[in-house]
N, C-alpha and C. Protein backbone atom coordinates (compact mmCIF):
# COMPACT_ATOMS: atom_id res chain seq x y z
N UNK A 1 -8.11 8.02 -15.87
CA UNK A 1 -6.96 7.35 -15.30
C UNK A 1 -6.04 6.93 -16.43
N UNK A 2 -4.78 7.15 -16.25
CA UNK A 2 -3.81 6.85 -17.30
C UNK A 2 -3.41 5.38 -17.28
N UNK A 3 -2.93 4.90 -18.40
CA UNK A 3 -2.52 3.51 -18.54
C UNK A 3 -1.17 3.28 -17.88
N UNK A 4 -1.04 2.14 -17.18
CA UNK A 4 0.22 1.76 -16.55
C UNK A 4 0.75 0.51 -17.25
N UNK A 5 2.08 0.35 -17.23
CA UNK A 5 2.71 -0.79 -17.89
C UNK A 5 3.69 -1.46 -16.93
N UNK A 6 3.68 -2.81 -16.95
CA UNK A 6 4.65 -3.60 -16.18
C UNK A 6 5.23 -4.66 -17.10
N UNK A 7 6.52 -4.93 -16.95
CA UNK A 7 7.21 -5.94 -17.75
C UNK A 7 7.59 -7.12 -16.86
N UNK A 8 7.48 -8.33 -17.42
CA UNK A 8 7.83 -9.55 -16.69
C UNK A 8 8.66 -10.44 -17.61
N UNK A 9 9.78 -10.91 -17.10
CA UNK A 9 10.56 -11.89 -17.86
C UNK A 9 9.89 -13.25 -17.73
N UNK A 10 9.83 -13.98 -18.83
CA UNK A 10 9.29 -15.34 -18.81
C UNK A 10 10.14 -16.22 -19.71
N UNK A 11 10.19 -17.50 -19.38
CA UNK A 11 10.88 -18.43 -20.26
C UNK A 11 10.03 -18.61 -21.52
N UNK A 12 10.67 -19.08 -22.58
CA UNK A 12 9.92 -19.33 -23.83
C UNK A 12 8.84 -20.37 -23.62
N UNK A 13 9.12 -21.34 -22.75
CA UNK A 13 8.14 -22.40 -22.48
C UNK A 13 6.89 -21.81 -21.82
N UNK A 14 7.08 -20.95 -20.83
CA UNK A 14 5.93 -20.32 -20.17
C UNK A 14 5.20 -19.40 -21.13
N UNK A 15 5.93 -18.68 -21.97
CA UNK A 15 5.27 -17.82 -22.95
C UNK A 15 4.35 -18.64 -23.84
N UNK A 16 4.80 -19.80 -24.28
CA UNK A 16 3.95 -20.66 -25.12
C UNK A 16 2.70 -21.10 -24.37
N UNK A 17 2.85 -21.42 -23.08
CA UNK A 17 1.68 -21.81 -22.27
C UNK A 17 0.70 -20.64 -22.15
N UNK A 18 1.24 -19.44 -21.97
CA UNK A 18 0.38 -18.26 -21.87
C UNK A 18 -0.35 -17.99 -23.18
N UNK A 19 0.32 -18.27 -24.30
CA UNK A 19 -0.30 -18.06 -25.60
C UNK A 19 -1.39 -19.10 -25.86
N UNK A 20 -1.22 -20.31 -25.32
CA UNK A 20 -2.17 -21.40 -25.56
C UNK A 20 -3.42 -21.31 -24.70
N UNK A 21 -3.26 -20.86 -23.46
CA UNK A 21 -4.35 -20.96 -22.49
C UNK A 21 -4.69 -19.61 -21.89
N UNK A 22 -5.88 -19.11 -22.13
CA UNK A 22 -6.23 -17.77 -21.64
C UNK A 22 -6.25 -17.65 -20.12
N UNK A 23 -6.39 -18.75 -19.42
CA UNK A 23 -6.45 -18.68 -17.96
C UNK A 23 -5.07 -18.81 -17.32
N UNK A 24 -4.11 -19.24 -18.08
CA UNK A 24 -2.76 -19.38 -17.54
C UNK A 24 -2.23 -18.03 -17.06
N UNK A 25 -2.60 -16.97 -17.77
CA UNK A 25 -2.12 -15.65 -17.37
C UNK A 25 -2.65 -15.25 -16.00
N UNK A 26 -3.88 -15.62 -15.68
CA UNK A 26 -4.43 -15.30 -14.36
C UNK A 26 -3.59 -15.93 -13.26
N UNK A 27 -3.22 -17.19 -13.44
CA UNK A 27 -2.39 -17.87 -12.45
C UNK A 27 -1.01 -17.22 -12.39
N UNK A 28 -0.43 -16.94 -13.56
CA UNK A 28 0.89 -16.30 -13.61
C UNK A 28 0.87 -14.94 -12.91
N UNK A 29 -0.12 -14.13 -13.25
CA UNK A 29 -0.18 -12.77 -12.74
C UNK A 29 -0.45 -12.74 -11.23
N UNK A 30 -1.26 -13.67 -10.75
CA UNK A 30 -1.61 -13.70 -9.32
C UNK A 30 -0.57 -14.44 -8.48
N UNK A 31 0.47 -14.99 -9.10
CA UNK A 31 1.46 -15.78 -8.37
C UNK A 31 2.06 -15.03 -7.19
N UNK A 32 2.25 -13.73 -7.34
CA UNK A 32 2.85 -12.93 -6.27
C UNK A 32 1.98 -12.98 -5.01
N UNK A 33 0.68 -13.09 -5.17
CA UNK A 33 -0.23 -13.08 -4.01
C UNK A 33 -0.51 -14.48 -3.47
N UNK A 34 -0.04 -15.50 -4.15
CA UNK A 34 -0.33 -16.88 -3.73
C UNK A 34 0.82 -17.40 -2.89
N UNK A 35 0.59 -17.54 -1.59
CA UNK A 35 1.66 -18.01 -0.71
C UNK A 35 1.65 -19.53 -0.59
N UNK A 36 0.47 -20.13 -0.63
CA UNK A 36 0.35 -21.58 -0.56
C UNK A 36 0.33 -22.13 -1.98
N UNK A 37 1.29 -23.02 -2.31
CA UNK A 37 1.36 -23.55 -3.68
C UNK A 37 0.07 -24.21 -4.17
N UNK A 38 -0.81 -24.59 -3.25
CA UNK A 38 -2.07 -25.22 -3.66
C UNK A 38 -3.19 -24.22 -3.89
N UNK A 39 -2.98 -22.97 -3.49
CA UNK A 39 -4.04 -21.96 -3.62
C UNK A 39 -4.39 -21.66 -5.07
N UNK A 40 -3.48 -21.92 -6.00
CA UNK A 40 -3.78 -21.62 -7.39
C UNK A 40 -5.01 -22.39 -7.88
N UNK A 41 -5.35 -23.46 -7.18
CA UNK A 41 -6.49 -24.26 -7.62
C UNK A 41 -7.81 -23.51 -7.46
N UNK A 42 -7.78 -22.35 -6.79
CA UNK A 42 -8.98 -21.52 -6.73
C UNK A 42 -9.43 -21.11 -8.13
N UNK A 43 -8.51 -21.18 -9.09
CA UNK A 43 -8.85 -20.82 -10.47
C UNK A 43 -9.57 -21.95 -11.20
N UNK A 44 -9.72 -23.10 -10.52
CA UNK A 44 -10.32 -24.27 -11.17
C UNK A 44 -11.68 -23.94 -11.78
N UNK A 45 -12.43 -23.07 -11.14
CA UNK A 45 -13.79 -22.77 -11.62
C UNK A 45 -13.82 -22.11 -12.99
N UNK A 46 -12.71 -21.49 -13.41
CA UNK A 46 -12.71 -20.83 -14.72
C UNK A 46 -12.26 -21.76 -15.85
N UNK A 47 -11.79 -22.96 -15.49
CA UNK A 47 -11.34 -23.92 -16.49
C UNK A 47 -12.44 -24.93 -16.80
N UNK A 48 -12.42 -25.44 -18.02
CA UNK A 48 -13.16 -26.66 -18.30
C UNK A 48 -12.36 -27.78 -17.65
N UNK A 49 -13.02 -28.84 -17.20
CA UNK A 49 -12.33 -29.90 -16.46
C UNK A 49 -11.13 -30.45 -17.24
N UNK A 50 -11.30 -30.69 -18.54
CA UNK A 50 -10.21 -31.24 -19.35
C UNK A 50 -9.04 -30.26 -19.39
N UNK A 51 -9.34 -28.96 -19.60
CA UNK A 51 -8.29 -27.95 -19.63
C UNK A 51 -7.56 -27.88 -18.30
N UNK A 52 -8.32 -27.99 -17.21
CA UNK A 52 -7.72 -27.91 -15.88
C UNK A 52 -6.77 -29.07 -15.66
N UNK A 53 -7.20 -30.27 -16.03
CA UNK A 53 -6.35 -31.45 -15.85
C UNK A 53 -5.06 -31.32 -16.64
N UNK A 54 -5.15 -30.79 -17.87
CA UNK A 54 -3.95 -30.60 -18.69
C UNK A 54 -3.06 -29.50 -18.11
N UNK A 55 -3.68 -28.52 -17.49
CA UNK A 55 -2.97 -27.35 -16.99
C UNK A 55 -2.20 -27.63 -15.70
N UNK A 56 -2.68 -28.60 -14.91
CA UNK A 56 -2.10 -28.85 -13.59
C UNK A 56 -0.59 -29.03 -13.63
N UNK A 57 -0.10 -29.70 -14.65
CA UNK A 57 1.34 -29.95 -14.74
C UNK A 57 2.14 -28.67 -14.96
N UNK A 58 1.53 -27.67 -15.58
CA UNK A 58 2.23 -26.41 -15.87
C UNK A 58 2.17 -25.40 -14.72
N UNK A 59 1.24 -25.60 -13.81
CA UNK A 59 1.02 -24.60 -12.75
C UNK A 59 2.26 -24.29 -11.91
N UNK A 60 3.03 -25.28 -11.46
CA UNK A 60 4.20 -24.93 -10.63
C UNK A 60 5.19 -24.00 -11.34
N UNK A 61 5.40 -24.23 -12.62
CA UNK A 61 6.34 -23.37 -13.35
C UNK A 61 5.76 -21.97 -13.53
N UNK A 62 4.48 -21.88 -13.85
CA UNK A 62 3.83 -20.57 -13.98
C UNK A 62 3.91 -19.79 -12.67
N UNK A 63 3.67 -20.48 -11.56
CA UNK A 63 3.74 -19.82 -10.26
C UNK A 63 5.16 -19.36 -9.95
N UNK A 64 6.14 -20.21 -10.23
CA UNK A 64 7.53 -19.86 -9.95
C UNK A 64 7.96 -18.63 -10.75
N UNK A 65 7.65 -18.63 -12.05
CA UNK A 65 8.06 -17.50 -12.88
C UNK A 65 7.21 -16.26 -12.60
N UNK A 66 5.98 -16.45 -12.18
CA UNK A 66 5.12 -15.33 -11.84
C UNK A 66 5.60 -14.57 -10.61
N UNK A 67 6.40 -15.23 -9.79
CA UNK A 67 6.94 -14.59 -8.58
C UNK A 67 8.23 -13.82 -8.86
N UNK A 68 8.78 -13.96 -10.06
CA UNK A 68 10.01 -13.24 -10.40
C UNK A 68 9.79 -11.73 -10.39
N UNK A 69 10.87 -11.00 -10.22
CA UNK A 69 10.81 -9.54 -10.18
C UNK A 69 10.26 -8.99 -11.49
N UNK A 70 9.34 -8.06 -11.37
CA UNK A 70 8.79 -7.36 -12.54
C UNK A 70 9.37 -5.96 -12.57
N UNK A 71 9.40 -5.38 -13.74
CA UNK A 71 9.79 -3.97 -13.87
C UNK A 71 8.51 -3.18 -14.08
N UNK A 72 8.19 -2.37 -13.10
CA UNK A 72 6.96 -1.58 -13.15
C UNK A 72 7.29 -0.19 -13.67
N UNK A 73 6.84 0.09 -14.88
CA UNK A 73 7.03 1.43 -15.45
C UNK A 73 5.90 2.36 -15.02
N UNK A 74 4.79 1.77 -14.62
CA UNK A 74 3.64 2.58 -14.23
C UNK A 74 3.21 3.48 -15.37
N UNK A 75 2.86 4.71 -15.05
CA UNK A 75 2.46 5.68 -16.07
C UNK A 75 3.67 6.36 -16.69
N UNK A 76 4.86 6.06 -16.18
CA UNK A 76 6.08 6.69 -16.70
C UNK A 76 6.57 6.06 -18.00
N UNK A 77 5.81 5.10 -18.52
CA UNK A 77 6.20 4.49 -19.79
C UNK A 77 6.12 5.51 -20.93
N UNK A 78 5.26 6.50 -20.82
CA UNK A 78 5.05 7.42 -21.93
C UNK A 78 6.29 8.24 -22.29
N UNK A 79 7.00 8.86 -21.33
CA UNK A 79 8.22 9.58 -21.71
C UNK A 79 9.28 8.66 -22.31
N UNK A 80 9.34 7.43 -21.79
CA UNK A 80 10.32 6.48 -22.33
C UNK A 80 9.94 6.07 -23.74
N UNK A 81 8.65 5.80 -23.95
CA UNK A 81 8.17 5.46 -25.30
C UNK A 81 8.44 6.61 -26.26
N UNK A 82 8.20 7.82 -25.80
CA UNK A 82 8.45 9.00 -26.65
C UNK A 82 9.93 9.09 -27.00
N UNK A 83 10.80 8.89 -26.02
CA UNK A 83 12.25 8.96 -26.23
C UNK A 83 12.72 7.89 -27.22
N UNK A 84 12.06 6.74 -27.21
CA UNK A 84 12.48 5.64 -28.08
C UNK A 84 11.81 5.65 -29.45
N UNK A 85 10.58 6.19 -29.54
CA UNK A 85 9.83 6.03 -30.79
C UNK A 85 9.26 7.32 -31.39
N UNK A 86 9.28 8.41 -30.63
CA UNK A 86 8.65 9.68 -31.03
C UNK A 86 7.13 9.58 -31.00
N UNK A 87 6.59 8.59 -30.30
CA UNK A 87 5.16 8.48 -30.04
C UNK A 87 4.98 8.29 -28.54
N UNK A 88 3.84 8.71 -28.01
CA UNK A 88 3.67 8.52 -26.56
C UNK A 88 2.24 8.42 -26.10
N UNK A 89 1.28 8.71 -26.94
CA UNK A 89 -0.10 8.67 -26.50
C UNK A 89 -0.62 7.26 -26.41
N UNK A 90 -1.70 7.08 -25.67
CA UNK A 90 -2.29 5.76 -25.55
C UNK A 90 -2.81 5.26 -26.90
N UNK A 91 -3.10 6.19 -27.80
CA UNK A 91 -3.51 5.78 -29.15
C UNK A 91 -2.33 5.19 -29.92
N UNK A 92 -1.12 5.41 -29.42
CA UNK A 92 0.09 4.90 -30.09
C UNK A 92 0.62 3.63 -29.42
N UNK A 93 -0.24 2.92 -28.70
CA UNK A 93 0.22 1.71 -28.03
C UNK A 93 0.71 0.67 -29.02
N UNK A 94 0.21 0.72 -30.25
CA UNK A 94 0.68 -0.23 -31.26
C UNK A 94 1.70 0.47 -32.13
N UNK A 95 2.95 0.32 -31.76
CA UNK A 95 4.06 0.84 -32.55
C UNK A 95 4.78 -0.38 -33.10
N UNK A 96 5.12 -0.39 -34.39
CA UNK A 96 5.69 -1.61 -34.98
C UNK A 96 6.94 -2.10 -34.26
N UNK A 97 7.10 -3.42 -34.22
CA UNK A 97 8.32 -4.01 -33.67
C UNK A 97 9.41 -3.85 -34.72
N UNK A 98 9.89 -2.63 -34.86
CA UNK A 98 10.93 -2.39 -35.86
C UNK A 98 12.02 -1.55 -35.25
N UNK A 99 13.17 -1.72 -35.77
CA UNK A 99 14.34 -1.03 -35.26
C UNK A 99 14.99 -0.40 -36.48
N UNK A 100 14.49 0.77 -36.83
CA UNK A 100 14.95 1.35 -38.09
C UNK A 100 15.34 2.80 -37.92
N UNK A 101 16.15 3.25 -38.84
CA UNK A 101 16.52 4.66 -38.87
C UNK A 101 15.72 5.33 -39.97
N UNK A 102 15.31 6.56 -39.70
CA UNK A 102 14.57 7.29 -40.72
C UNK A 102 15.49 8.27 -41.43
N UNK A 103 14.89 9.18 -42.20
CA UNK A 103 15.69 10.12 -42.99
C UNK A 103 16.51 11.06 -42.12
N UNK A 104 16.14 11.21 -40.86
CA UNK A 104 16.91 12.05 -39.94
C UNK A 104 17.94 11.26 -39.15
N UNK A 105 18.17 10.02 -39.58
CA UNK A 105 19.12 9.15 -38.90
C UNK A 105 18.68 8.89 -37.45
N UNK A 106 17.37 8.76 -37.27
CA UNK A 106 16.81 8.54 -35.94
C UNK A 106 16.46 7.07 -35.75
N UNK A 107 17.15 6.42 -34.83
CA UNK A 107 16.87 5.03 -34.51
C UNK A 107 15.63 4.97 -33.62
N UNK A 108 14.62 4.24 -34.06
CA UNK A 108 13.37 4.12 -33.29
C UNK A 108 13.22 2.67 -32.84
N UNK A 109 13.02 2.49 -31.55
CA UNK A 109 13.01 1.16 -30.95
C UNK A 109 11.74 0.96 -30.13
N UNK A 110 11.02 -0.11 -30.41
CA UNK A 110 9.86 -0.44 -29.59
C UNK A 110 10.31 -1.40 -28.49
N UNK A 111 10.49 -0.88 -27.29
CA UNK A 111 10.87 -1.73 -26.16
C UNK A 111 9.78 -1.74 -25.09
N UNK A 112 8.73 -0.95 -25.32
CA UNK A 112 7.74 -0.75 -24.26
C UNK A 112 6.40 -1.43 -24.55
N UNK A 113 5.97 -1.50 -25.81
CA UNK A 113 4.61 -1.98 -26.05
C UNK A 113 4.47 -3.24 -26.90
N UNK A 114 5.29 -3.48 -27.87
CA UNK A 114 5.23 -4.66 -28.76
C UNK A 114 3.90 -4.73 -29.52
N UNK A 115 3.95 -5.31 -30.70
CA UNK A 115 2.72 -5.54 -31.46
C UNK A 115 2.23 -6.98 -31.32
N UNK A 116 3.04 -7.84 -30.70
CA UNK A 116 2.62 -9.22 -30.45
C UNK A 116 1.72 -9.22 -29.22
N UNK A 117 0.57 -9.86 -29.32
CA UNK A 117 -0.29 -9.93 -28.14
C UNK A 117 -0.91 -11.32 -28.03
N UNK A 118 -1.27 -11.68 -26.80
CA UNK A 118 -1.92 -12.95 -26.58
C UNK A 118 -3.28 -12.92 -27.28
N UNK A 119 -3.63 -14.00 -27.95
CA UNK A 119 -4.81 -14.00 -28.83
C UNK A 119 -6.11 -13.63 -28.12
N UNK A 120 -6.17 -13.85 -26.83
CA UNK A 120 -7.41 -13.57 -26.11
C UNK A 120 -7.35 -12.24 -25.36
N UNK A 121 -6.21 -11.56 -25.40
CA UNK A 121 -6.07 -10.34 -24.61
C UNK A 121 -5.07 -9.39 -25.27
N UNK A 122 -5.57 -8.36 -25.91
CA UNK A 122 -4.71 -7.41 -26.63
C UNK A 122 -3.83 -6.59 -25.70
N UNK A 123 -4.18 -6.54 -24.42
CA UNK A 123 -3.39 -5.73 -23.49
C UNK A 123 -2.34 -6.54 -22.75
N UNK A 124 -2.14 -7.78 -23.18
CA UNK A 124 -1.00 -8.56 -22.72
C UNK A 124 -0.13 -8.78 -23.95
N UNK A 125 0.96 -8.05 -24.01
CA UNK A 125 1.85 -8.10 -25.18
C UNK A 125 3.10 -8.90 -24.82
N UNK A 126 3.90 -9.21 -25.83
CA UNK A 126 5.14 -9.94 -25.54
C UNK A 126 6.17 -9.73 -26.64
N UNK A 127 7.41 -9.97 -26.26
CA UNK A 127 8.52 -10.13 -27.20
C UNK A 127 9.05 -11.54 -26.99
N UNK A 128 9.33 -12.26 -28.07
CA UNK A 128 9.94 -13.58 -27.96
C UNK A 128 11.38 -13.41 -27.48
N UNK A 129 12.01 -14.51 -27.11
CA UNK A 129 13.40 -14.45 -26.64
C UNK A 129 14.31 -13.87 -27.72
N UNK A 130 14.08 -14.22 -28.98
CA UNK A 130 14.91 -13.67 -30.07
C UNK A 130 14.67 -12.17 -30.23
N UNK A 131 13.42 -11.75 -30.10
CA UNK A 131 13.11 -10.32 -30.20
C UNK A 131 13.73 -9.54 -29.05
N UNK A 132 13.77 -10.15 -27.87
CA UNK A 132 14.40 -9.50 -26.71
C UNK A 132 15.86 -9.21 -27.01
N UNK A 133 16.54 -10.15 -27.64
CA UNK A 133 17.95 -9.92 -28.01
C UNK A 133 18.09 -8.75 -28.98
N UNK A 134 17.17 -8.66 -29.94
CA UNK A 134 17.18 -7.53 -30.88
C UNK A 134 16.94 -6.21 -30.15
N UNK A 135 15.98 -6.21 -29.23
CA UNK A 135 15.67 -4.99 -28.47
C UNK A 135 16.90 -4.55 -27.67
N UNK A 136 17.57 -5.49 -27.03
CA UNK A 136 18.76 -5.16 -26.23
C UNK A 136 19.83 -4.51 -27.10
N UNK A 137 20.05 -5.08 -28.26
CA UNK A 137 21.07 -4.52 -29.17
C UNK A 137 20.73 -3.08 -29.55
N UNK A 138 19.47 -2.84 -29.87
CA UNK A 138 19.08 -1.49 -30.28
C UNK A 138 19.03 -0.52 -29.10
N UNK A 139 18.61 -0.99 -27.93
CA UNK A 139 18.63 -0.13 -26.74
C UNK A 139 20.06 0.29 -26.40
N UNK A 140 20.99 -0.63 -26.60
CA UNK A 140 22.40 -0.31 -26.33
C UNK A 140 22.88 0.80 -27.26
N UNK A 141 22.42 0.77 -28.50
CA UNK A 141 22.79 1.84 -29.45
C UNK A 141 22.18 3.18 -29.03
N UNK A 142 20.92 3.14 -28.63
CA UNK A 142 20.26 4.38 -28.18
C UNK A 142 20.98 4.94 -26.95
N UNK A 143 21.38 4.06 -26.04
CA UNK A 143 22.03 4.50 -24.80
C UNK A 143 23.36 5.21 -25.08
N UNK A 144 23.96 4.94 -26.23
CA UNK A 144 25.24 5.59 -26.57
C UNK A 144 25.04 6.97 -27.18
N UNK A 145 23.81 7.29 -27.54
CA UNK A 145 23.54 8.59 -28.15
C UNK A 145 23.55 9.70 -27.09
N UNK A 146 23.80 10.91 -27.53
CA UNK A 146 23.70 12.07 -26.67
C UNK A 146 22.22 12.36 -26.42
N UNK A 147 21.82 12.42 -25.16
CA UNK A 147 20.40 12.60 -24.82
C UNK A 147 19.79 13.85 -25.44
N UNK A 148 20.48 14.95 -25.33
CA UNK A 148 19.93 16.22 -25.82
C UNK A 148 19.74 16.18 -27.33
N UNK A 149 20.74 15.66 -28.04
CA UNK A 149 20.65 15.60 -29.50
C UNK A 149 19.55 14.62 -29.93
N UNK A 150 19.43 13.51 -29.23
CA UNK A 150 18.37 12.55 -29.55
C UNK A 150 17.00 13.20 -29.34
N UNK A 151 16.84 13.92 -28.25
CA UNK A 151 15.56 14.58 -28.00
C UNK A 151 15.23 15.61 -29.07
N UNK A 152 16.24 16.30 -29.58
CA UNK A 152 15.99 17.24 -30.69
C UNK A 152 15.41 16.49 -31.89
N UNK A 153 16.03 15.35 -32.22
CA UNK A 153 15.55 14.56 -33.36
C UNK A 153 14.15 14.00 -33.10
N UNK A 154 13.94 13.53 -31.88
CA UNK A 154 12.63 12.98 -31.50
C UNK A 154 11.55 14.05 -31.64
N UNK A 155 11.83 15.23 -31.11
CA UNK A 155 10.85 16.33 -31.19
C UNK A 155 10.57 16.71 -32.64
N UNK A 156 11.63 16.73 -33.46
CA UNK A 156 11.46 17.04 -34.88
C UNK A 156 10.55 15.99 -35.53
N UNK A 157 10.82 14.72 -35.22
CA UNK A 157 10.02 13.63 -35.78
C UNK A 157 8.55 13.74 -35.34
N UNK A 158 8.34 14.10 -34.08
CA UNK A 158 6.98 14.20 -33.53
C UNK A 158 6.33 15.54 -33.83
N UNK A 159 7.08 16.39 -34.55
CA UNK A 159 6.58 17.74 -34.89
C UNK A 159 6.22 18.53 -33.63
N UNK A 160 7.14 18.46 -32.67
CA UNK A 160 7.01 19.18 -31.41
C UNK A 160 8.23 20.08 -31.27
N UNK A 161 8.03 21.29 -30.78
CA UNK A 161 9.17 22.18 -30.56
C UNK A 161 10.06 21.63 -29.46
N UNK A 162 11.35 21.69 -29.69
CA UNK A 162 12.31 21.28 -28.66
C UNK A 162 12.67 22.49 -27.83
N UNK A 163 12.47 22.37 -26.54
CA UNK A 163 12.88 23.40 -25.60
C UNK A 163 13.82 22.74 -24.60
N UNK A 164 14.63 23.52 -23.97
CA UNK A 164 15.57 22.98 -22.98
C UNK A 164 14.83 22.21 -21.88
N UNK A 165 13.61 22.61 -21.60
CA UNK A 165 12.86 21.91 -20.55
C UNK A 165 12.56 20.46 -20.95
N UNK A 166 12.50 20.19 -22.26
CA UNK A 166 12.30 18.80 -22.70
C UNK A 166 13.44 17.93 -22.19
N UNK A 167 14.63 18.47 -22.32
CA UNK A 167 15.81 17.74 -21.84
C UNK A 167 15.77 17.64 -20.32
N UNK A 168 15.45 18.72 -19.65
CA UNK A 168 15.39 18.72 -18.18
C UNK A 168 14.34 17.74 -17.68
N UNK A 169 13.21 17.66 -18.37
CA UNK A 169 12.17 16.70 -18.00
C UNK A 169 12.66 15.27 -18.21
N UNK A 170 13.38 15.05 -19.31
CA UNK A 170 13.87 13.70 -19.61
C UNK A 170 14.82 13.19 -18.53
N UNK A 171 15.62 14.08 -17.98
CA UNK A 171 16.60 13.69 -16.95
C UNK A 171 15.90 12.96 -15.79
N UNK A 172 14.66 13.34 -15.50
CA UNK A 172 13.91 12.69 -14.41
C UNK A 172 13.65 11.21 -14.69
N UNK A 173 13.66 10.83 -15.97
CA UNK A 173 13.31 9.46 -16.33
C UNK A 173 14.51 8.60 -16.70
N UNK A 174 15.71 9.16 -16.66
CA UNK A 174 16.87 8.39 -17.11
C UNK A 174 17.16 7.19 -16.22
N UNK A 175 16.90 7.31 -14.93
CA UNK A 175 17.13 6.18 -14.03
C UNK A 175 16.22 5.01 -14.40
N UNK A 176 14.95 5.31 -14.64
CA UNK A 176 14.00 4.27 -15.04
C UNK A 176 14.36 3.71 -16.42
N UNK A 177 14.81 4.57 -17.32
CA UNK A 177 15.24 4.13 -18.64
C UNK A 177 16.41 3.15 -18.52
N UNK A 178 17.37 3.47 -17.65
CA UNK A 178 18.51 2.57 -17.44
C UNK A 178 18.06 1.25 -16.81
N UNK A 179 17.06 1.31 -15.93
CA UNK A 179 16.51 0.07 -15.37
C UNK A 179 15.89 -0.78 -16.47
N UNK A 180 15.22 -0.13 -17.40
CA UNK A 180 14.61 -0.85 -18.53
C UNK A 180 15.69 -1.56 -19.34
N UNK A 181 16.77 -0.85 -19.64
CA UNK A 181 17.87 -1.46 -20.39
C UNK A 181 18.44 -2.65 -19.63
N UNK A 182 18.69 -2.48 -18.34
CA UNK A 182 19.25 -3.56 -17.52
C UNK A 182 18.30 -4.76 -17.45
N UNK A 183 17.01 -4.48 -17.37
CA UNK A 183 16.02 -5.56 -17.28
C UNK A 183 16.01 -6.36 -18.58
N UNK A 184 16.08 -5.67 -19.71
CA UNK A 184 16.15 -6.36 -21.00
C UNK A 184 17.46 -7.14 -21.14
N UNK A 185 18.57 -6.55 -20.71
CA UNK A 185 19.86 -7.26 -20.79
C UNK A 185 19.81 -8.54 -19.97
N UNK A 186 19.25 -8.45 -18.78
CA UNK A 186 19.13 -9.62 -17.91
C UNK A 186 18.28 -10.69 -18.58
N UNK A 187 17.18 -10.28 -19.20
CA UNK A 187 16.32 -11.24 -19.91
C UNK A 187 17.07 -11.90 -21.06
N UNK A 188 17.80 -11.10 -21.83
CA UNK A 188 18.55 -11.65 -22.97
C UNK A 188 19.63 -12.62 -22.49
N UNK A 189 20.32 -12.27 -21.41
CA UNK A 189 21.37 -13.15 -20.86
C UNK A 189 20.79 -14.49 -20.41
N UNK A 190 19.56 -14.47 -19.94
CA UNK A 190 18.91 -15.70 -19.46
C UNK A 190 18.15 -16.42 -20.57
N UNK A 191 18.10 -15.82 -21.76
CA UNK A 191 17.35 -16.42 -22.86
C UNK A 191 15.85 -16.33 -22.67
N UNK A 192 15.41 -15.31 -21.94
CA UNK A 192 13.98 -15.15 -21.64
C UNK A 192 13.25 -14.30 -22.66
N UNK A 193 11.96 -14.51 -22.72
CA UNK A 193 11.05 -13.64 -23.47
C UNK A 193 10.59 -12.54 -22.52
N UNK A 194 9.80 -11.59 -23.04
CA UNK A 194 9.31 -10.49 -22.21
C UNK A 194 7.79 -10.39 -22.35
N UNK A 195 7.12 -10.33 -21.22
CA UNK A 195 5.68 -10.16 -21.17
C UNK A 195 5.39 -8.73 -20.73
N UNK A 196 4.47 -8.07 -21.41
CA UNK A 196 4.16 -6.66 -21.13
C UNK A 196 2.68 -6.55 -20.80
N UNK A 197 2.39 -6.12 -19.59
CA UNK A 197 1.00 -5.96 -19.14
C UNK A 197 0.62 -4.49 -19.24
N UNK A 198 -0.41 -4.20 -19.99
CA UNK A 198 -0.85 -2.82 -20.21
C UNK A 198 -2.24 -2.67 -19.59
N UNK A 199 -2.36 -1.76 -18.66
CA UNK A 199 -3.69 -1.59 -18.07
C UNK A 199 -3.68 -0.75 -16.83
């Protein structure tokens, strides 16, 4: 089974709570399924009593932000990652958070996986609010490039032959790619961080 990816906008305050408490993510992630605001207390059994008491004050905000719209890339993250970084395999999930041009003048942007991860869970990654702004700026530059020419450079970088079908295949993902750009722009406009769930 292939790996799927979903992105969630979060405030910097919620991101800090998620980084501090390994169980906060469970409440955040399950928020969509919790209709009764008191149901989150079902997670009480996984907390130490002291941690639970401290956590109670944060629960309403985690639930509210957990219900926000997520961008589900599913298994389609790989063509987008390839288009942005010239890597796409699951072994390449850790691509540096860098926005640099190489000798071929190829701008490579990590907008899909991030190297920042929650200390207790490597498959929950994030970009801080400041990093989200950087990603948006670089995604905007990539969006201005000619798709076909960028794919030629990407294929050269990945040591893959470029065929016209590469471009034709990419066209299928441009709508999702544009959704990714819009989702990041929305996060940057709101001053939000980005949470990335890989699994």
